Amino acid sequence: MVSALIVMAGLILLGILFSFGKGSFLIAGFNTMPKEERDKYDKTALTKFMGKMMFALAFIQVFMLLSELLKIGWLFYFGLALFFIVIFFILYYVNTGNRFKKTK
């Protein structure tokens, strides 16, 4: 239960940070790009999107927390399935369609 609360708090803090358009250095893959490549992306749009996704992942943690509190096993698996669905959505959305590339 404590671990679920810690993870939830961390995701909420990241969500707040990203929602202000800050913390792009925490986004894996983006922070390892050469500076010239990073300059081609809209950091603010990317971090705000990631902020929304952090809030979604924090909400999913509620299912895992409730699973422990109420001793309902299927809630954990439901939360875990949602977690993977959101992660795959993030990976797909960010890496296709050049959504966060700056327009000239």
Protein backbone atom coordinates (compact mmCIF):
# COMPACT_ATOMS: atom_id res chain seq x y z
CA MET A 1 0.00 0.00 0.00
CA VAL A 2 2.80 2.39 0.86
CA SER A 3 4.56 1.67 -2.42
CA ALA A 4 1.40 2.45 -4.40
CA LEU A 5 1.07 5.77 -2.56
CA ILE A 6 4.71 6.64 -3.22
CA VAL A 7 4.38 5.83 -6.92
CA MET A 8 1.14 7.83 -7.11
CA ALA A 9 2.73 10.83 -5.37
CA GLY A 10 5.74 10.67 -7.71
CA LEU A 11 3.55 10.54 -10.79
CA ILE A 12 1.46 13.47 -9.56
CA LEU A 13 4.61 15.52 -8.88
CA LEU A 14 5.90 14.71 -12.37
CA GLY A 15 2.49 15.60 -13.81
CA ILE A 16 2.58 18.99 -12.11
CA LEU A 17 6.14 19.65 -13.28
CA PHE A 18 5.39 18.63 -16.86
CA SER A 19 2.10 20.58 -16.92
CA PHE A 20 4.06 23.79 -16.48
CA GLY A 21 6.12 22.91 -19.56
CA LYS A 22 9.21 22.14 -17.49
CA GLY A 23 11.25 19.00 -16.96
CA SER A 24 11.89 17.97 -20.55
CA PHE A 25 15.26 16.62 -19.37
CA LEU A 26 13.32 13.90 -17.53
CA ILE A 27 11.73 12.50 -20.70
CA ALA A 28 13.69 9.43 -21.76
CA GLY A 29 14.90 9.55 -25.33
CA PHE A 30 14.33 13.27 -25.60
CA ASN A 31 17.11 14.09 -23.18
CA THR A 32 19.60 11.87 -25.04
CA MET A 33 19.06 13.54 -28.42
CA PRO A 34 21.71 15.92 -29.71
CA LYS A 35 20.83 19.57 -29.05
CA GLU A 36 20.26 20.23 -32.75
CA GLU A 37 17.68 17.44 -32.87
CA ARG A 38 15.96 18.55 -29.64
CA ASP A 39 15.57 22.07 -31.06
CA LYS A 40 13.30 20.63 -33.77
CA TYR A 41 10.67 19.70 -31.16
CA ASP A 42 8.14 21.80 -29.29
CA LYS A 43 9.27 21.11 -25.72
CA THR A 44 6.27 22.81 -24.16
CA ALA A 45 3.72 20.75 -26.08
CA LEU A 46 5.64 17.54 -25.39
CA THR A 47 5.98 18.17 -21.66
CA LYS A 48 2.33 19.22 -21.29
CA PHE A 49 1.24 16.00 -23.02
CA MET A 50 3.51 13.99 -20.74
CA GLY A 51 2.02 15.82 -17.75
CA LYS A 52 -1.45 14.65 -18.72
CA MET A 53 -0.15 11.13 -19.12
CA MET A 54 1.49 11.22 -15.66
CA PHE A 55 -1.86 12.20 -14.16
CA ALA A 56 -3.51 9.30 -16.05
CA LEU A 57 -0.90 6.87 -14.70
CA ALA A 58 -1.37 8.26 -11.17
CA PHE A 59 -5.12 7.69 -11.48
CA ILE A 60 -4.49 4.10 -12.54
CA GLN A 61 -2.57 3.60 -9.31
CA VAL A 62 -5.87 4.14 -7.48
CA PHE A 63 -7.05 0.75 -8.77
CA MET A 64 -3.94 -0.93 -7.43
CA LEU A 65 -4.33 0.83 -4.09
CA LEU A 66 -7.99 -0.14 -3.86
CA SER A 67 -7.04 -3.70 -4.72
CA GLU A 68 -4.89 -3.85 -1.61
CA LEU A 69 -7.31 -2.00 0.64
CA LEU A 70 -10.43 -3.93 -0.36
CA LYS A 71 -8.67 -7.25 -1.02
CA ILE A 72 -10.15 -7.47 -4.53
CA GLY A 73 -7.55 -9.15 -6.74
CA TRP A 74 -9.08 -8.35 -10.12
CA LEU A 75 -8.75 -4.60 -9.46
CA PHE A 76 -4.97 -4.97 -9.47
CA TYR A 77 -5.02 -6.74 -12.83
CA PHE A 78 -7.46 -4.20 -14.23
CA GLY A 79 -5.11 -1.39 -13.15
CA LEU A 80 -2.11 -3.24 -14.55
CA ALA A 81 -3.86 -3.72 -17.91
CA LEU A 82 -4.79 -0.02 -18.00
CA PHE A 83 -1.21 0.87 -17.13
CA PHE A 84 0.17 -1.06 -20.10
CA ILE A 85 -2.52 0.33 -22.42
CA VAL A 86 -1.62 3.89 -21.45
CA ILE A 87 2.12 3.20 -21.82
CA PHE A 88 1.61 1.76 -25.32
CA PHE A 89 -0.63 4.73 -26.21
CA ILE A 90 2.07 7.17 -25.06
CA LEU A 91 4.75 5.38 -27.08
CA TYR A 92 2.57 5.24 -30.18
CA TYR A 93 1.28 8.80 -29.95
CA VAL A 94 4.64 10.43 -29.30
CA ASN A 95 6.57 8.45 -31.90
CA THR A 96 4.15 8.71 -34.84
CA GLY A 97 2.82 11.59 -36.85
CA ASN A 98 5.45 14.21 -35.91
CA ARG A 99 2.92 15.71 -33.49
CA PHE A 100 5.54 17.53 -31.45
CA LYS A 101 7.79 18.72 -34.25
CA LYS A 102 8.00 22.48 -34.61
CA THR A 103 6.37 23.90 -37.69
CA LYS A 104 8.36 26.40 -39.66
